[in-house]
Amino acid sequence: MGPTSFKNQQAPCGRIVDGESYQDRDQETLVTEEVDFACGCRSIRHEYHDGSVSCRVVRHDGTIMVDELLCAE
């Protein structure tokens, strides 16, 4: 699926910027959602076939704000 543009959204750093979001499906993960903000911040979420979810949020300066794996019960 191609990118979807958005405007005036709050990035992880707190800035209000434009950006693009992507969604993909492949054999390893059920769904991958990636959001790239114009300031350089990025959010990536993977949903796996077993129901677990990983989430990583990186600020534009490289600071990792969230890096977690939530396992399915």
Protein backbone atom coordinates (compact mmCIF):
# COMPACT_ATOMS: atom_id res chain seq x y z
CA MET A 1 0.00 0.00 0.00
CA GLY A 2 1.39 3.42 -0.90
CA PRO A 3 2.03 6.27 1.52
CA THR A 4 -0.77 8.38 2.92
CA SER A 5 0.12 12.02 3.58
CA PHE A 6 -1.10 13.93 6.61
CA LYS A 7 -0.83 17.53 7.79
CA ASN A 8 -0.54 19.24 11.15
CA GLN A 9 -0.08 16.17 13.36
CA GLN A 10 1.86 16.11 16.61
CA ALA A 11 5.17 14.29 16.26
CA PRO A 12 6.76 12.43 19.20
CA CYS A 13 8.97 15.49 19.84
CA GLY A 14 5.88 17.67 20.31
CA ARG A 15 6.17 19.62 17.07
CA ILE A 16 3.12 19.97 14.81
CA VAL A 17 4.30 18.81 11.38
CA ASP A 18 3.26 17.08 8.17
CA GLY A 19 4.26 13.54 7.31
CA GLU A 20 3.41 10.23 5.71
CA SER A 21 2.12 6.93 6.98
CA TYR A 22 2.57 3.51 5.39
CA GLN A 23 0.94 0.16 5.97
CA ASP A 24 2.34 -3.12 4.70
CA ARG A 25 1.59 -6.82 5.06
CA ASP A 26 4.12 -9.60 4.55
CA GLN A 27 4.86 -13.19 5.55
CA GLU A 28 6.82 -12.30 8.71
CA THR A 29 4.35 -9.80 10.14
CA LEU A 30 0.62 -9.54 9.79
CA VAL A 31 0.67 -5.73 9.60
CA THR A 32 3.43 -3.12 9.67
CA GLU A 33 2.49 0.51 10.23
CA GLU A 34 5.16 3.17 9.85
CA VAL A 35 4.71 6.90 10.38
CA ASP A 36 7.42 9.31 9.22
CA PHE A 37 7.16 12.92 10.39
CA ALA A 38 8.69 15.89 8.51
CA CYS A 39 10.88 16.73 11.54
CA GLY A 40 12.55 13.31 11.34
CA CYS A 41 10.63 11.51 14.09
CA ARG A 42 9.42 8.00 13.26
CA SER A 43 6.97 5.49 14.71
CA ILE A 44 6.97 1.83 13.67
CA ARG A 45 4.43 -0.77 14.81
CA HIS A 46 4.50 -4.47 13.88
CA GLU A 47 1.61 -6.82 14.55
CA TYR A 48 2.66 -10.47 14.34
CA HIS A 49 0.66 -13.58 13.45
CA ASP A 50 0.77 -14.84 17.06
CA GLY A 51 -0.99 -11.65 18.25
CA SER A 52 2.08 -9.96 19.72
CA VAL A 53 2.82 -6.34 18.86
CA SER A 54 6.11 -4.43 18.81
CA CYS A 55 6.27 -0.66 18.89
CA ARG A 56 9.25 1.64 18.44
CA VAL A 57 9.12 5.44 18.53
CA VAL A 58 12.27 7.40 17.67
CA ARG A 59 12.57 11.15 18.03
CA HIS A 60 14.28 13.18 15.26
CA ASP A 61 17.48 13.43 17.31
CA GLY A 62 17.75 9.63 17.57
CA THR A 63 16.37 9.33 21.11
CA ILE A 64 14.35 6.14 21.47
CA MET A 65 11.16 7.09 23.27
CA VAL A 66 9.38 3.70 23.12
CA ASP A 67 10.80 0.28 22.33
CA GLU A 68 8.51 -2.49 23.53
CA LEU A 69 7.13 -5.89 22.64
CA LEU A 70 3.65 -6.71 23.90
CA CYS A 71 3.11 -10.45 23.86
CA ALA A 72 -0.24 -12.06 23.19
CA GLU A 73 -1.78 -13.89 26.12
